[in-house]
Amino acid sequence: MFRKAWDQRYVVVKDGKLAWYKDKPTPTTEPQGVIDFRVTPCEAVPEPANKSQFLIRPKVGNWTGQAFKGSEDGREFIFDTTGSPQSFKAWLDAINAHCEFATRMSGGSQGQAQMSASKSLRR
C-alpha cells in the first residue's frame, strides 16, 4: 500500500484525548486536530508492516462525534515512533491506557498521565 509523505507533528495524550500540533505546543496553542477517546471506543495496535509504527482506529465502525477529516469513513491514524524520545511500547501503552480510561470514565481523575513528544503523523 502506498502512503503519502509523513508530516512531523507534536502529539499530546492527556485526559482521554490525543491532540496533535504542527509545532511544539504551549499552554495557549490550539491543536490542529483532536481524537476524543471518550466519544468513540478505540484502540492503538501495531502496524504489521513496520515495527516502529502503530495505528489508532475505532474499535467498531466509524469515529462518532469527531471533527476530523475521514471520521465518517473509519479513518485509521498511522504514527511512526522513529526518533521519539519515548519508545514504541510506551506510546502504545499510553494511548491504550487513555482509550481504556475514556471508556470507563465516570468523572474521576484516574489515569490522567500526560505524555508528549514529537511524532510523525500521516494526514
PDB file of N, CA and C in Angstrom:
ATOM      1  N   MET A   1       0.836  -1.175   0.000  1.00  0.00           N
ATOM      2  CA  MET A   1       0.000   0.000   0.000  1.00  0.00           C
ATOM      3  C   MET A   1       0.882   1.239   0.000  1.00  0.00           C
ATOM      4  N   PHE A   2       0.611   2.164  -0.873  1.00  0.00           N
ATOM      5  CA  PHE A   2       1.371   3.411  -0.956  1.00  0.00           C
ATOM      6  C   PHE A   2       0.877   4.382   0.103  1.00  0.00           C
ATOM      7  N   ARG A   3       1.816   5.022   0.779  1.00  0.00           N
ATOM      8  CA  ARG A   3       1.456   6.021   1.778  1.00  0.00           C
ATOM      9  C   ARG A   3       2.014   7.365   1.375  1.00  0.00           C
ATOM     10  N   LYS A   4       1.277   8.401   1.656  1.00  0.00           N
ATOM     11  CA  LYS A   4       1.745   9.769   1.404  1.00  0.00           C
ATOM     12  C   LYS A   4       2.949  10.066   2.301  1.00  0.00           C
ATOM     13  N   ALA A   5       3.597  11.165   2.035  1.00  0.00           N
ATOM     14  CA  ALA A   5       4.723  11.594   2.858  1.00  0.00           C
ATOM     15  C   ALA A   5       4.261  11.832   4.298  1.00  0.00           C
ATOM     16  N   TRP A   6       5.172  11.659   5.222  1.00  0.00           N
ATOM     17  CA  TRP A   6       4.876  11.866   6.632  1.00  0.00           C
ATOM     18  C   TRP A   6       4.972  13.337   6.981  1.00  0.00           C
ATOM     19  N   ASP A   7       4.078  13.796   7.823  1.00  0.00           N
ATOM     20  CA  ASP A   7       4.128  15.142   8.369  1.00  0.00           C
ATOM     21  C   ASP A   7       4.569  15.031   9.825  1.00  0.00           C
ATOM     22  N   GLN A   8       5.609  15.742  10.189  1.00  0.00           N
ATOM     23  CA  GLN A   8       6.091  15.746  11.567  1.00  0.00           C
ATOM     24  C   GLN A   8       5.094  16.505  12.431  1.00  0.00           C
ATOM     25  N   ARG A   9       4.702  15.928  13.562  1.00  0.00           N
ATOM     26  CA  ARG A   9       3.756  16.551  14.474  1.00  0.00           C
ATOM     27  C   ARG A   9       4.181  16.314  15.914  1.00  0.00           C
ATOM     28  N   TYR A  10       3.784  17.224  16.779  1.00  0.00           N
ATOM     29  CA  TYR A  10       3.909  17.018  18.214  1.00  0.00           C
ATOM     30  C   TYR A  10       2.575  16.465  18.686  1.00  0.00           C
ATOM     31  N   VAL A  11       2.637  15.429  19.510  1.00  0.00           N
ATOM     32  CA  VAL A  11       1.430  14.749  19.956  1.00  0.00           C
ATOM     33  C   VAL A  11       1.374  14.784  21.474  1.00  0.00           C
ATOM     34  N   VAL A  12       0.191  15.100  22.003  1.00  0.00           N
ATOM     35  CA  VAL A  12      -0.038  15.095  23.441  1.00  0.00           C
ATOM     36  C   VAL A  12      -1.218  14.162  23.713  1.00  0.00           C
ATOM     37  N   VAL A  13      -1.007  13.239  24.644  1.00  0.00           N
ATOM     38  CA  VAL A  13      -2.062  12.330  25.081  1.00  0.00           C
ATOM     39  C   VAL A  13      -2.375  12.699  26.524  1.00  0.00           C
ATOM     40  N   LYS A  14      -3.602  13.167  26.741  1.00  0.00           N
ATOM     41  CA  LYS A  14      -3.973  13.655  28.069  1.00  0.00           C
ATOM     42  C   LYS A  14      -5.487  13.599  28.246  1.00  0.00           C
ATOM     43  N   ASP A  15      -5.921  13.176  29.417  1.00  0.00           N
ATOM     44  CA  ASP A  15      -7.337  13.198  29.798  1.00  0.00           C
ATOM     45  C   ASP A  15      -8.246  12.491  28.802  1.00  0.00           C
ATOM     46  N   GLY A  16      -7.810  11.369  28.272  1.00  0.00           N
ATOM     47  CA  GLY A  16      -8.649  10.619  27.347  1.00  0.00           C
ATOM     48  C   GLY A  16      -8.739  11.215  25.960  1.00  0.00           C
ATOM     49  N   LYS A  17      -7.773  12.061  25.607  1.00  0.00           N
ATOM     50  CA  LYS A  17      -7.751  12.676  24.276  1.00  0.00           C
ATOM     51  C   LYS A  17      -6.333  12.626  23.722  1.00  0.00           C
ATOM     52  N   LEU A  18      -6.241  12.620  22.405  1.00  0.00           N
ATOM     53  CA  LEU A  18      -4.971  12.732  21.712  1.00  0.00           C
ATOM     54  C   LEU A  18      -5.071  13.973  20.832  1.00  0.00           C
ATOM     55  N   ALA A  19      -4.130  14.894  21.015  1.00  0.00           N
ATOM     56  CA  ALA A  19      -4.116  16.136  20.225  1.00  0.00           C
ATOM     57  C   ALA A  19      -2.794  16.213  19.478  1.00  0.00           C
ATOM     58  N   TRP A  20      -2.831  16.787  18.259  1.00  0.00           N
ATOM     59  CA  TRP A  20      -1.591  16.962  17.511  1.00  0.00           C
ATOM     60  C   TRP A  20      -1.428  18.414  17.100  1.00  0.00           C
ATOM     61  N   TYR A  21      -0.151  18.793  17.013  1.00  0.00           N
ATOM     62  CA  TYR A  21       0.251  20.167  16.753  1.00  0.00           C
ATOM     63  C   TYR A  21       1.347  20.181  15.694  1.00  0.00           C
ATOM     64  N   LYS A  22       1.384  21.227  14.896  1.00  0.00           N
ATOM     65  CA  LYS A  22       2.444  21.366  13.897  1.00  0.00           C
ATOM     66  C   LYS A  22       3.768  21.710  14.570  1.00  0.00           C
ATOM     67  N   ASP A  23       3.718  22.559  15.590  1.00  0.00           N
ATOM     68  CA  ASP A  23       4.905  22.975  16.334  1.00  0.00           C
ATOM     69  C   ASP A  23       4.750  22.587  17.794  1.00  0.00           C
ATOM     70  N   LYS A  24       5.849  22.623  18.526  1.00  0.00           N
ATOM     71  CA  LYS A  24       5.802  22.287  19.945  1.00  0.00           C
ATOM     72  C   LYS A  24       4.762  23.152  20.641  1.00  0.00           C
ATOM     73  N   PRO A  25       3.810  22.537  21.329  1.00  0.00           N
ATOM     74  CA  PRO A  25       2.707  23.318  21.908  1.00  0.00           C
ATOM     75  C   PRO A  25       3.109  24.082  23.162  1.00  0.00           C
ATOM     76  N   THR A  26       2.417  25.198  23.354  1.00  0.00           N
ATOM     77  CA  THR A  26       2.493  25.968  24.593  1.00  0.00           C
ATOM     78  C   THR A  26       1.122  25.843  25.249  1.00  0.00           C
ATOM     79  N   PRO A  27       0.961  26.315  26.469  1.00  0.00           N
ATOM     80  CA  PRO A  27      -0.355  26.220  27.114  1.00  0.00           C
ATOM     81  C   PRO A  27      -1.486  26.909  26.355  1.00  0.00           C
ATOM     82  N   THR A  28      -1.169  27.857  25.485  1.00  0.00           N
ATOM     83  CA  THR A  28      -2.213  28.578  24.755  1.00  0.00           C
ATOM     84  C   THR A  28      -2.357  28.120  23.294  1.00  0.00           C
ATOM     85  N   THR A  29      -1.538  27.182  22.863  1.00  0.00           N
ATOM     86  CA  THR A  29      -1.599  26.711  21.479  1.00  0.00           C
ATOM     87  C   THR A  29      -2.827  25.843  21.253  1.00  0.00           C
ATOM     88  N   GLU A  30      -3.554  26.127  20.188  1.00  0.00           N
ATOM     89  CA  GLU A  30      -4.699  25.300  19.801  1.00  0.00           C
ATOM     90  C   GLU A  30      -4.189  24.129  18.955  1.00  0.00           C
ATOM     91  N   PRO A  31      -4.681  22.910  19.195  1.00  0.00           N
ATOM     92  CA  PRO A  31      -4.234  21.772  18.390  1.00  0.00           C
ATOM     93  C   PRO A  31      -4.766  21.846  16.960  1.00  0.00           C
ATOM     94  N   GLN A  32      -4.050  21.213  16.055  1.00  0.00           N
ATOM     95  CA  GLN A  32      -4.524  21.093  14.670  1.00  0.00           C
ATOM     96  C   GLN A  32      -5.658  20.086  14.583  1.00  0.00           C
ATOM     97  N   GLY A  33      -5.648  19.122  15.463  1.00  0.00           N
ATOM     98  CA  GLY A  33      -6.691  18.112  15.489  1.00  0.00           C
ATOM     99  C   GLY A  33      -6.715  17.391  16.818  1.00  0.00           C
ATOM    100  N   VAL A  34      -7.849  16.761  17.108  1.00  0.00           N
ATOM    101  CA  VAL A  34      -8.030  16.043  18.372  1.00  0.00           C
ATOM    102  C   VAL A  34      -8.828  14.779  18.110  1.00  0.00           C
ATOM    103  N   ILE A  35      -8.410  13.701  18.746  1.00  0.00           N
ATOM    104  CA  ILE A  35      -9.224  12.489  18.815  1.00  0.00           C
ATOM    105  C   ILE A  35      -9.682  12.391  20.266  1.00  0.00           C
ATOM    106  N   ASP A  36     -10.976  12.411  20.471  1.00  0.00           N
ATOM    107  CA  ASP A  36     -11.537  12.296  21.811  1.00  0.00           C
ATOM    108  C   ASP A  36     -11.925  10.844  22.036  1.00  0.00           C
ATOM    109  N   PHE A  37     -11.121  10.141  22.821  1.00  0.00           N
ATOM    110  CA  PHE A  37     -11.365   8.721  23.077  1.00  0.00           C
ATOM    111  C   PHE A  37     -12.634   8.501  23.898  1.00  0.00           C
ATOM    112  N   ARG A  38     -13.156   9.558  24.539  1.00  0.00           N
ATOM    113  CA  ARG A  38     -14.383   9.425  25.330  1.00  0.00           C
ATOM    114  C   ARG A  38     -15.607   9.291  24.443  1.00  0.00           C
ATOM    115  N   VAL A  39     -15.520   9.770  23.209  1.00  0.00           N
ATOM    116  CA  VAL A  39     -16.668   9.777  22.300  1.00  0.00           C
ATOM    117  C   VAL A  39     -16.765   8.481  21.502  1.00  0.00           C
ATOM    118  N   THR A  40     -15.612   7.939  21.092  1.00  0.00           N
ATOM    119  CA  THR A  40     -15.577   6.732  20.275  1.00  0.00           C
ATOM    120  C   THR A  40     -14.642   5.710  20.903  1.00  0.00           C
ATOM    121  N   PRO A  41     -15.129   4.521  21.254  1.00  0.00           N
ATOM    122  CA  PRO A  41     -14.211   3.479  21.730  1.00  0.00           C
ATOM    123  C   PRO A  41     -13.180   3.166  20.636  1.00  0.00           C
ATOM    124  N   CYS A  42     -11.908   3.176  21.002  1.00  0.00           N
ATOM    125  CA  CYS A  42     -10.862   2.986  20.002  1.00  0.00           C
ATOM    126  C   CYS A  42      -9.718   2.189  20.597  1.00  0.00           C
ATOM    127  N   GLU A  43      -8.712   1.940  19.756  1.00  0.00           N
ATOM    128  CA  GLU A  43      -7.557   1.164  20.178  1.00  0.00           C
ATOM    129  C   GLU A  43      -6.341   1.575  19.365  1.00  0.00           C
ATOM    130  N   ALA A  44      -5.170   1.361  19.947  1.00  0.00           N
ATOM    131  CA  ALA A  44      -3.902   1.537  19.245  1.00  0.00           C
ATOM    132  C   ALA A  44      -3.309   0.142  19.066  1.00  0.00           C
ATOM    133  N   VAL A  45      -2.961  -0.187  17.832  1.00  0.00           N
ATOM    134  CA  VAL A  45      -2.421  -1.516  17.516  1.00  0.00           C
ATOM    135  C   VAL A  45      -1.173  -1.367  16.657  1.00  0.00           C
ATOM    136  N   PRO A  46      -0.228  -2.303  16.794  1.00  0.00           N
ATOM    137  CA  PRO A  46       0.970  -2.237  15.957  1.00  0.00           C
ATOM    138  C   PRO A  46       0.632  -2.339  14.477  1.00  0.00           C
ATOM    139  N   GLU A  47       1.386  -1.617  13.656  1.00  0.00           N
ATOM    140  CA  GLU A  47       1.279  -1.717  12.192  1.00  0.00           C
ATOM    141  C   GLU A  47       2.094  -2.954  11.806  1.00  0.00           C
ATOM    142  N   PRO A  48       1.448  -3.984  11.250  1.00  0.00           N
ATOM    143  CA  PRO A  48       2.155  -5.229  10.959  1.00  0.00           C
ATOM    144  C   PRO A  48       3.357  -5.072  10.021  1.00  0.00           C
ATOM    145  N   ALA A  49       3.313  -4.096   9.130  1.00  0.00           N
ATOM    146  CA  ALA A  49       4.372  -3.955   8.127  1.00  0.00           C
ATOM    147  C   ALA A  49       5.584  -3.174   8.634  1.00  0.00           C
ATOM    148  N   ASN A  50       5.499  -2.544   9.837  1.00  0.00           N
ATOM    149  CA  ASN A  50       6.598  -1.709  10.292  1.00  0.00           C
ATOM    150  C   ASN A  50       6.649  -1.708  11.819  1.00  0.00           C
ATOM    151  N   LYS A  51       7.777  -2.095  12.387  1.00  0.00           N
ATOM    152  CA  LYS A  51       7.905  -2.245  13.846  1.00  0.00           C
ATOM    153  C   LYS A  51       7.940  -0.932  14.614  1.00  0.00           C
ATOM    154  N   SER A  52       8.067   0.198  13.930  1.00  0.00           N
ATOM    155  CA  SER A  52       8.079   1.488  14.627  1.00  0.00           C
ATOM    156  C   SER A  52       6.758   2.235  14.474  1.00  0.00           C
ATOM    157  N   GLN A  53       5.781   1.625  13.806  1.00  0.00           N
ATOM    158  CA  GLN A  53       4.512   2.301  13.539  1.00  0.00           C
ATOM    159  C   GLN A  53       3.348   1.617  14.238  1.00  0.00           C
ATOM    160  N   PHE A  54       2.342   2.422  14.561  1.00  0.00           N
ATOM    161  CA  PHE A  54       1.094   1.877  15.098  1.00  0.00           C
ATOM    162  C   PHE A  54      -0.077   2.649  14.516  1.00  0.00           C
ATOM    163  N   LEU A  55      -1.245   2.030  14.621  1.00  0.00           N
ATOM    164  CA  LEU A  55      -2.496   2.611  14.133  1.00  0.00           C
ATOM    165  C   LEU A  55      -3.372   2.969  15.317  1.00  0.00           C
ATOM    166  N   ILE A  56      -4.127   4.041  15.179  1.00  0.00           N
ATOM    167  CA  ILE A  56      -5.223   4.329  16.103  1.00  0.00           C
ATOM    168  C   ILE A  56      -6.482   4.273  15.269  1.00  0.00           C
ATOM    169  N   ARG A  57      -7.431   3.463  15.711  1.00  0.00           N
ATOM    170  CA  ARG A  57      -8.651   3.251  14.941  1.00  0.00           C
ATOM    171  C   ARG A  57      -9.830   3.013  15.876  1.00  0.00           C
ATOM    172  N   PRO A  58     -11.041   3.243  15.376  1.00  0.00           N
ATOM    173  CA  PRO A  58     -12.221   2.914  16.182  1.00  0.00           C
ATOM    174  C   PRO A  58     -12.310   1.400  16.333  1.00  0.00           C
ATOM    175  N   LYS A  59     -12.775   0.953  17.487  1.00  0.00           N
ATOM    176  CA  LYS A  59     -12.909  -0.489  17.700  1.00  0.00           C
ATOM    177  C   LYS A  59     -13.960  -1.081  16.769  1.00  0.00           C
ATOM    178  N   VAL A  60     -15.003  -0.315  16.513  1.00  0.00           N
ATOM    179  CA  VAL A  60     -16.081  -0.776  15.648  1.00  0.00           C
ATOM    180  C   VAL A  60     -16.548   0.381  14.776  1.00  0.00           C
ATOM    181  N   GLY A  61     -16.649   0.150  13.495  1.00  0.00           N
ATOM    182  CA  GLY A  61     -17.251   1.137  12.600  1.00  0.00           C
ATOM    183  C   GLY A  61     -16.450   2.403  12.426  1.00  0.00           C
ATOM    184  N   ASN A  62     -17.155   3.536  12.533  1.00  0.00           N
ATOM    185  CA  ASN A  62     -16.572   4.843  12.277  1.00  0.00           C
ATOM    186  C   ASN A  62     -16.351   5.608  13.569  1.00  0.00           C
ATOM    187  N   TRP A  63     -15.648   6.727  13.432  1.00  0.00           N
ATOM    188  CA  TRP A  63     -15.483   7.643  14.551  1.00  0.00           C
ATOM    189  C   TRP A  63     -16.793   8.421  14.689  1.00  0.00           C
ATOM    190  N   THR A  64     -17.448   8.332  15.817  1.00  0.00           N
ATOM    191  CA  THR A  64     -18.674   9.089  16.032  1.00  0.00           C
ATOM    192  C   THR A  64     -18.356  10.353  16.823  1.00  0.00           C
ATOM    193  N   GLY A  65     -18.990  11.446  16.451  1.00  0.00           N
ATOM    194  CA  GLY A  65     -18.828  12.693  17.183  1.00  0.00           C
ATOM    195  C   GLY A  65     -17.447  13.317  17.083  1.00  0.00           C
ATOM    196  N   GLN A  66     -16.683  12.971  16.065  1.00  0.00           N
ATOM    197  CA  GLN A  66     -15.338  13.527  15.892  1.00  0.00           C
ATOM    198  C   GLN A  66     -15.369  14.529  14.736  1.00  0.00           C
ATOM    199  N   ALA A  67     -14.451  15.492  14.759  1.00  0.00           N
ATOM    200  CA  ALA A  67     -14.496  16.576  13.775  1.00  0.00           C
ATOM    201  C   ALA A  67     -13.293  16.582  12.832  1.00  0.00           C
ATOM    202  N   PHE A  68     -12.670  15.447  12.612  1.00  0.00           N
ATOM    203  CA  PHE A  68     -11.518  15.433  11.713  1.00  0.00           C
ATOM    204  C   PHE A  68     -11.885  14.789  10.379  1.00  0.00           C
ATOM    205  N   LYS A  69     -11.097  15.094   9.365  1.00  0.00           N
ATOM    206  CA  LYS A  69     -11.329  14.567   8.026  1.00  0.00           C
ATOM    207  C   LYS A  69     -11.247  13.033   8.045  1.00  0.00           C
ATOM    208  N   GLY A  70     -12.228  12.399   7.460  1.00  0.00           N
ATOM    209  CA  GLY A  70     -12.250  10.945   7.373  1.00  0.00           C
ATOM    210  C   GLY A  70     -12.931  10.257   8.538  1.00  0.00           C
ATOM    211  N   SER A  71     -13.466  11.020   9.483  1.00  0.00           N
ATOM    212  CA  SER A  71     -14.092  10.396  10.650  1.00  0.00           C
ATOM    213  C   SER A  71     -15.290   9.532  10.271  1.00  0.00           C
ATOM    214  N   GLU A  72     -16.026   9.976   9.272  1.00  0.00           N
ATOM    215  CA  GLU A  72     -17.212   9.228   8.849  1.00  0.00           C
ATOM    216  C   GLU A  72     -16.858   7.956   8.076  1.00  0.00           C
ATOM    217  N   ASP A  73     -15.599   7.836   7.646  1.00  0.00           N
ATOM    218  CA  ASP A  73     -15.176   6.681   6.870  1.00  0.00           C
ATOM    219  C   ASP A  73     -14.355   5.675   7.670  1.00  0.00           C
ATOM    220  N   GLY A  74     -14.250   5.857   8.992  1.00  0.00           N
ATOM    221  CA  GLY A  74     -13.476   4.935   9.811  1.00  0.00           C
ATOM    222  C   GLY A  74     -11.976   5.099   9.634  1.00  0.00           C
ATOM    223  N   ARG A  75     -11.529   6.314   9.361  1.00  0.00           N
ATOM    224  CA  ARG A  75     -10.108   6.611   9.146  1.00  0.00           C
ATOM    225  C   ARG A  75      -9.232   5.979  10.225  1.00  0.00           C
ATOM    226  N   GLU A  76      -8.092   5.460   9.816  1.00  0.00           N
ATOM    227  CA  GLU A  76      -7.080   4.968  10.744  1.00  0.00           C
ATOM    228  C   GLU A  76      -5.916   5.944  10.728  1.00  0.00           C
ATOM    229  N   PHE A  77      -5.465   6.351  11.905  1.00  0.00           N
ATOM    230  CA  PHE A  77      -4.312   7.237  12.031  1.00  0.00           C
ATOM    231  C   PHE A  77      -3.064   6.375  12.157  1.00  0.00           C
ATOM    232  N   ILE A  78      -2.051   6.705  11.414  1.00  0.00           N
ATOM    233  CA  ILE A  78      -0.802   5.953  11.437  1.00  0.00           C
ATOM    234  C   ILE A  78       0.280   6.839  12.041  1.00  0.00           C
ATOM    235  N   PHE A  79       0.934   6.354  13.070  1.00  0.00           N
ATOM    236  CA  PHE A  79       2.003   7.075  13.742  1.00  0.00           C
ATOM    237  C   PHE A  79       3.300   6.299  13.626  1.00  0.00           C
ATOM    238  N   ASP A  80       4.398   7.028  13.501  1.00  0.00           N
ATOM    239  CA  ASP A  80       5.724   6.417  13.442  1.00  0.00           C
ATOM    240  C   ASP A  80       6.533   6.953  14.616  1.00  0.00           C
ATOM    241  N   THR A  81       7.062   6.065  15.434  1.00  0.00           N
ATOM    242  CA  THR A  81       7.789   6.468  16.638  1.00  0.00           C
ATOM    243  C   THR A  81       9.284   6.660  16.399  1.00  0.00           C
ATOM    244  N   THR A  82       9.740   6.510  15.174  1.00  0.00           N
ATOM    245  CA  THR A  82      11.154   6.708  14.865  1.00  0.00           C
ATOM    246  C   THR A  82      11.584   8.105  15.301  1.00  0.00           C
ATOM    247  N   GLY A  83      12.631   8.197  16.089  1.00  0.00           N
ATOM    248  CA  GLY A  83      13.147   9.482  16.543  1.00  0.00           C
ATOM    249  C   GLY A  83      12.474  10.039  17.784  1.00  0.00           C
ATOM    250  N   SER A  84      11.457   9.358  18.298  1.00  0.00           N
ATOM    251  CA  SER A  84      10.772   9.835  19.500  1.00  0.00           C
ATOM    252  C   SER A  84      11.600   9.513  20.745  1.00  0.00           C
ATOM    253  N   PRO A  85      11.610  10.410  21.733  1.00  0.00           N
ATOM    254  CA  PRO A  85      12.294  10.097  22.996  1.00  0.00           C
ATOM    255  C   PRO A  85      11.626   8.932  23.743  1.00  0.00           C
ATOM    256  N   GLN A  86      10.326   8.714  23.493  1.00  0.00           N
ATOM    257  CA  GLN A  86       9.609   7.606  24.108  1.00  0.00           C
ATOM    258  C   GLN A  86       9.622   6.418  23.146  1.00  0.00           C
ATOM    259  N   SER A  87       9.602   5.250  23.721  1.00  0.00           N
ATOM    260  CA  SER A  87       9.644   4.028  22.920  1.00  0.00           C
ATOM    261  C   SER A  87       8.290   3.745  22.270  1.00  0.00           C
ATOM    262  N   PHE A  88       8.323   2.895  21.268  1.00  0.00           N
ATOM    263  CA  PHE A  88       7.110   2.410  20.605  1.00  0.00           C
ATOM    264  C   PHE A  88       6.145   1.852  21.647  1.00  0.00           C
ATOM    265  N   LYS A  89       6.647   0.993  22.531  1.00  0.00           N
ATOM    266  CA  LYS A  89       5.805   0.367  23.555  1.00  0.00           C
ATOM    267  C   LYS A  89       5.217   1.404  24.503  1.00  0.00           C
ATOM    268  N   ALA A  90       6.009   2.407  24.873  1.00  0.00           N
ATOM    269  CA  ALA A  90       5.497   3.452  25.765  1.00  0.00           C
ATOM    270  C   ALA A  90       4.334   4.194  25.125  1.00  0.00           C
ATOM    271  N   TRP A  91       4.457   4.523  23.833  1.00  0.00           N
ATOM    272  CA  TRP A  91       3.358   5.192  23.135  1.00  0.00           C
ATOM    273  C   TRP A  91       2.126   4.301  23.061  1.00  0.00           C
ATOM    274  N   LEU A  92       2.317   3.065  22.651  1.00  0.00           N
ATOM    275  CA  LEU A  92       1.198   2.129  22.512  1.00  0.00           C
ATOM    276  C   LEU A  92       0.485   1.951  23.853  1.00  0.00           C
ATOM    277  N   ASP A  93       1.268   1.732  24.918  1.00  0.00           N
ATOM    278  CA  ASP A  93       0.689   1.541  26.244  1.00  0.00           C
ATOM    279  C   ASP A  93      -0.048   2.793  26.728  1.00  0.00           C
ATOM    280  N   ALA A  94       0.550   3.970  26.519  1.00  0.00           N
ATOM    281  CA  ALA A  94      -0.078   5.217  26.985  1.00  0.00           C
ATOM    282  C   ALA A  94      -1.393   5.488  26.256  1.00  0.00           C
ATOM    283  N   ILE A  95      -1.386   5.320  24.952  1.00  0.00           N
ATOM    284  CA  ILE A  95      -2.609   5.586  24.181  1.00  0.00           C
ATOM    285  C   ILE A  95      -3.698   4.583  24.546  1.00  0.00           C
ATOM    286  N   ASN A  96      -3.349   3.309  24.656  1.00  0.00           N
ATOM    287  CA  ASN A  96      -4.361   2.321  25.032  1.00  0.00           C
ATOM    288  C   ASN A  96      -4.869   2.545  26.455  1.00  0.00           C
ATOM    289  N   ALA A  97      -4.001   3.006  27.349  1.00  0.00           N
ATOM    290  CA  ALA A  97      -4.454   3.332  28.711  1.00  0.00           C
ATOM    291  C   ALA A  97      -5.470   4.468  28.674  1.00  0.00           C
ATOM    292  N   HIS A  98      -5.240   5.461  27.833  1.00  0.00           N
ATOM    293  CA  HIS A  98      -6.190   6.570  27.715  1.00  0.00           C
ATOM    294  C   HIS A  98      -7.480   6.120  27.030  1.00  0.00           C
ATOM    295  N   CYS A  99      -7.377   5.229  26.070  1.00  0.00           N
ATOM    296  CA  CYS A  99      -8.590   4.671  25.438  1.00  0.00           C
ATOM    297  C   CYS A  99      -9.429   3.928  26.470  1.00  0.00           C
ATOM    298  N   GLU A 100      -8.769   3.107  27.286  1.00  0.00           N
ATOM    299  CA  GLU A 100      -9.480   2.347  28.323  1.00  0.00           C
ATOM    300  C   GLU A 100     -10.039   3.278  29.398  1.00  0.00           C
ATOM    301  N   PHE A 101      -9.247   4.265  29.811  1.00  0.00           N
ATOM    302  CA  PHE A 101      -9.700   5.245  30.791  1.00  0.00           C
ATOM    303  C   PHE A 101     -10.952   5.964  30.293  1.00  0.00           C
ATOM    304  N   ALA A 102     -10.903   6.388  29.038  1.00  0.00           N
ATOM    305  CA  ALA A 102     -12.030   7.122  28.467  1.00  0.00           C
ATOM    306  C   ALA A 102     -13.283   6.265  28.412  1.00  0.00           C
ATOM    307  N   THR A 103     -13.109   4.973  28.133  1.00  0.00           N
ATOM    308  CA  THR A 103     -14.250   4.066  28.053  1.00  0.00           C
ATOM    309  C   THR A 103     -14.928   3.917  29.409  1.00  0.00           C
ATOM    310  N   ARG A 104     -14.139   3.862  30.463  1.00  0.00           N
ATOM    311  CA  ARG A 104     -14.719   3.648  31.801  1.00  0.00           C
ATOM    312  C   ARG A 104     -14.854   4.935  32.617  1.00  0.00           C
ATOM    313  N   MET A 105     -14.528   6.054  31.992  1.00  0.00           N
ATOM    314  CA  MET A 105     -14.513   7.328  32.703  1.00  0.00           C
ATOM    315  C   MET A 105     -15.865   7.657  33.332  1.00  0.00           C
ATOM    316  N   SER A 106     -15.788   8.009  34.582  1.00  0.00           N
ATOM    317  CA  SER A 106     -17.023   8.380  35.284  1.00  0.00           C
ATOM    318  C   SER A 106     -16.855   9.724  35.981  1.00  0.00           C
ATOM    319  N   GLY A 107     -15.965  10.562  35.440  1.00  0.00           N
ATOM    320  CA  GLY A 107     -15.743  11.865  36.044  1.00  0.00           C
ATOM    321  C   GLY A 107     -14.583  11.876  37.016  1.00  0.00           C
ATOM    322  N   GLY A 108     -13.950  10.724  37.256  1.00  0.00           N
ATOM    323  CA  GLY A 108     -12.808  10.666  38.173  1.00  0.00           C
ATOM    324  C   GLY A 108     -11.543  11.185  37.525  1.00  0.00           C
ATOM    325  N   SER A 109     -10.468  11.200  38.271  1.00  0.00           N
ATOM    326  CA  SER A 109      -9.209  11.745  37.760  1.00  0.00           C
ATOM    327  C   SER A 109      -8.150  10.673  37.537  1.00  0.00           C
ATOM    328  N   GLN A 110      -8.521   9.399  37.642  1.00  0.00           N
ATOM    329  CA  GLN A 110      -7.528   8.345  37.466  1.00  0.00           C
ATOM    330  C   GLN A 110      -7.041   8.260  36.030  1.00  0.00           C
ATOM    331  N   GLY A 111      -5.829   7.847  35.855  1.00  0.00           N
ATOM    332  CA  GLY A 111      -5.288   7.593  34.533  1.00  0.00           C
ATOM    333  C   GLY A 111      -5.012   8.813  33.696  1.00  0.00           C
ATOM    334  N   GLN A 112      -4.811   9.969  34.311  1.00  0.00           N
ATOM    335  CA  GLN A 112      -4.636  11.183  33.526  1.00  0.00           C
ATOM    336  C   GLN A 112      -3.170  11.541  33.340  1.00  0.00           C
ATOM    337  N   ALA A 113      -2.318  10.550  33.152  1.00  0.00           N
ATOM    338  CA  ALA A 113      -0.909  10.819  32.890  1.00  0.00           C
ATOM    339  C   ALA A 113      -0.772  11.501  31.538  1.00  0.00           C
ATOM    340  N   GLN A 114       0.233  12.331  31.427  1.00  0.00           N
ATOM    341  CA  GLN A 114       0.466  13.044  30.168  1.00  0.00           C
ATOM    342  C   GLN A 114       1.761  12.551  29.552  1.00  0.00           C
ATOM    343  N   MET A 115       1.736  12.398  28.242  1.00  0.00           N
ATOM    344  CA  MET A 115       2.944  12.026  27.514  1.00  0.00           C
ATOM    345  C   MET A 115       2.962  12.883  26.266  1.00  0.00           C
ATOM    346  N   SER A 116       4.029  13.614  26.058  1.00  0.00           N
ATOM    347  CA  SER A 116       4.102  14.406  24.845  1.00  0.00           C
ATOM    348  C   SER A 116       5.480  14.258  24.239  1.00  0.00           C
ATOM    349  N   ALA A 117       5.513  14.285  22.924  1.00  0.00           N
ATOM    350  CA  ALA A 117       6.778  14.179  22.194  1.00  0.00           C
ATOM    351  C   ALA A 117       6.518  14.457  20.742  1.00  0.00           C
ATOM    352  N   SER A 118       7.566  14.593  20.000  1.00  0.00           N
ATOM    353  CA  SER A 118       7.454  14.791  18.562  1.00  0.00           C
ATOM    354  C   SER A 118       7.129  13.458  17.913  1.00  0.00           C
ATOM    355  N   LYS A 119       6.141  13.462  17.044  1.00  0.00           N
ATOM    356  CA  LYS A 119       5.740  12.248  16.334  1.00  0.00           C
ATOM    357  C   LYS A 119       5.520  12.580  14.885  1.00  0.00           C
ATOM    358  N   SER A 120       5.479  11.562  14.088  1.00  0.00           N
ATOM    359  CA  SER A 120       5.124  11.740  12.679  1.00  0.00           C
ATOM    360  C   SER A 120       3.681  11.310  12.510  1.00  0.00           C
ATOM    361  N   LEU A 121       2.915  12.109  11.832  1.00  0.00           N
ATOM    362  CA  LEU A 121       1.510  11.825  11.628  1.00  0.00           C
ATOM    363  C   LEU A 121       1.183  11.945  10.171  1.00  0.00           C
ATOM    364  N   ARG A 122       0.539  10.926   9.642  1.00  0.00           N
ATOM    365  CA  ARG A 122       0.088  10.974   8.258  1.00  0.00           C
ATOM    366  C   ARG A 122      -1.273  11.638   8.224  1.00  0.00           C
ATOM    367  N   ARG A 123      -1.400  12.661   7.404  1.00  0.00           N
ATOM    368  CA  ARG A 123      -2.703  13.327   7.283  1.00  0.00           C
ATOM    369  C   ARG A 123      -3.447  12.755   6.118  1.00  0.00           C
TER     370      ARG A 123
END
